[in-house]
């Protein structure tokens, strides 16, 4: 399991020559949010997924900073939203 500090460390190692502004453009996260994450702020599940994709980790459930029950709830909500988007014809 990956701790959020290890995930941030991997991002810092992989993109050590990038500025916060460049990382912001690459990730879609706000520049000040990246600064806060790099300085120890807690990471949300969605932010962790973005960072995980940037590092290239395969297992999106490999984080130990989120409760497994919460993961299931988030996945259920995403599933519900996806179904709703299909019904409404958005999210293509």
Protein backbone atom coordinates (compact mmCIF):
# COMPACT_ATOMS: atom_id res chain seq x y z
CA UNK A 1 0.00 0.00 0.00
CA UNK A 2 1.20 3.48 -0.83
CA UNK A 3 1.17 6.25 1.71
CA UNK A 4 0.31 9.71 0.40
CA UNK A 5 3.77 10.96 1.42
CA UNK A 6 5.36 8.30 -0.78
CA UNK A 7 3.08 9.28 -3.66
CA UNK A 8 4.08 12.95 -3.32
CA UNK A 9 7.73 11.90 -3.06
CA UNK A 10 7.41 9.93 -6.31
CA UNK A 11 5.87 12.98 -8.02
CA UNK A 12 8.66 15.21 -6.73
CA UNK A 13 11.30 12.74 -7.96
CA UNK A 14 9.73 12.23 -11.38
CA UNK A 15 9.00 15.92 -12.02
CA UNK A 16 11.83 17.58 -10.08
CA UNK A 17 12.60 19.97 -12.93
CA UNK A 18 8.98 21.14 -13.29
CA UNK A 19 7.51 24.24 -11.68
CA UNK A 20 4.23 24.30 -9.76
CA UNK A 21 2.69 26.06 -12.75
CA UNK A 22 3.81 23.28 -15.13
CA UNK A 23 2.60 20.57 -12.74
CA UNK A 24 -0.72 22.39 -12.49
CA UNK A 25 -1.16 22.37 -16.26
CA UNK A 26 -0.16 18.69 -16.46
CA UNK A 27 -2.46 17.56 -13.65
CA UNK A 28 -5.39 19.94 -13.91
CA UNK A 29 -5.01 20.73 -10.20
CA UNK A 30 -4.77 24.32 -9.01
CA UNK A 31 -1.19 25.59 -8.68
CA UNK A 32 -1.68 26.61 -5.04
CA UNK A 33 -3.20 23.20 -4.31
CA UNK A 34 -0.10 21.48 -5.65
CA UNK A 35 2.04 23.76 -3.48
CA UNK A 36 -0.01 22.81 -0.42
CA UNK A 37 0.16 19.10 -1.23
CA UNK A 38 3.93 19.32 -1.64
CA UNK A 39 4.12 21.01 1.75
CA UNK A 40 2.21 18.34 3.67
CA UNK A 41 -1.48 19.07 3.14
CA UNK A 42 -3.80 16.05 3.07
CA UNK A 43 -4.71 14.69 -0.35
CA UNK A 44 -8.26 13.93 -1.42
CA UNK A 45 -9.05 10.65 -3.17
CA UNK A 46 -9.57 12.43 -6.49
CA UNK A 47 -6.24 14.28 -6.18
CA UNK A 48 -4.51 11.01 -5.33
CA UNK A 49 -5.90 9.44 -8.50
CA UNK A 50 -4.58 12.34 -10.57
CA UNK A 51 -1.14 12.07 -8.97
CA UNK A 52 -1.21 8.28 -9.32
CA UNK A 53 -1.79 8.65 -13.07
CA UNK A 54 1.09 11.12 -13.32
CA UNK A 55 3.45 8.67 -11.59
CA UNK A 56 2.11 5.77 -13.63
CA UNK A 57 0.99 3.52 -10.76
CA UNK A 58 -1.48 0.88 -11.89
CA UNK A 59 -3.47 0.09 -8.72
CA UNK A 60 -5.82 2.96 -7.88
CA UNK A 61 -6.79 1.22 -4.62
CA UNK A 62 -3.23 1.15 -3.32
CA UNK A 63 -3.55 4.08 -0.92
CA UNK A 64 -3.69 3.58 2.82
CA UNK A 65 -4.86 7.10 3.63
CA UNK A 66 -8.48 6.47 2.76
CA UNK A 67 -10.79 4.09 4.54
CA UNK A 68 -11.91 1.09 2.46
CA UNK A 69 -15.54 1.88 3.31
CA UNK A 70 -15.10 5.34 1.85
CA UNK A 71 -13.60 3.89 -1.33
CA UNK A 72 -16.68 1.73 -1.82
CA UNK A 73 -18.97 4.72 -1.22
CA UNK A 74 -17.03 6.86 -3.70
CA UNK A 75 -17.08 4.09 -6.30
CA UNK A 76 -20.84 3.67 -5.81
CA UNK A 77 -21.40 7.42 -6.27
CA UNK A 78 -19.22 7.44 -9.40
CA UNK A 79 -21.20 4.50 -10.77
CA UNK A 80 -24.48 6.29 -10.05
CA UNK A 81 -23.25 9.50 -11.70
CA UNK A 82 -22.04 7.57 -14.73
CA UNK A 83 -25.45 5.94 -15.12
CA UNK A 84 -27.16 9.32 -14.75
CA UNK A 85 -24.84 10.86 -17.37
CA UNK A 86 -25.73 8.07 -19.80
CA UNK A 87 -29.44 8.65 -19.20
CA UNK A 88 -29.07 12.41 -19.69
CA UNK A 89 -26.73 12.01 -22.67
CA UNK A 90 -23.82 13.91 -21.16
CA UNK A 91 -20.33 12.73 -20.24
CA UNK A 92 -19.54 11.34 -23.68
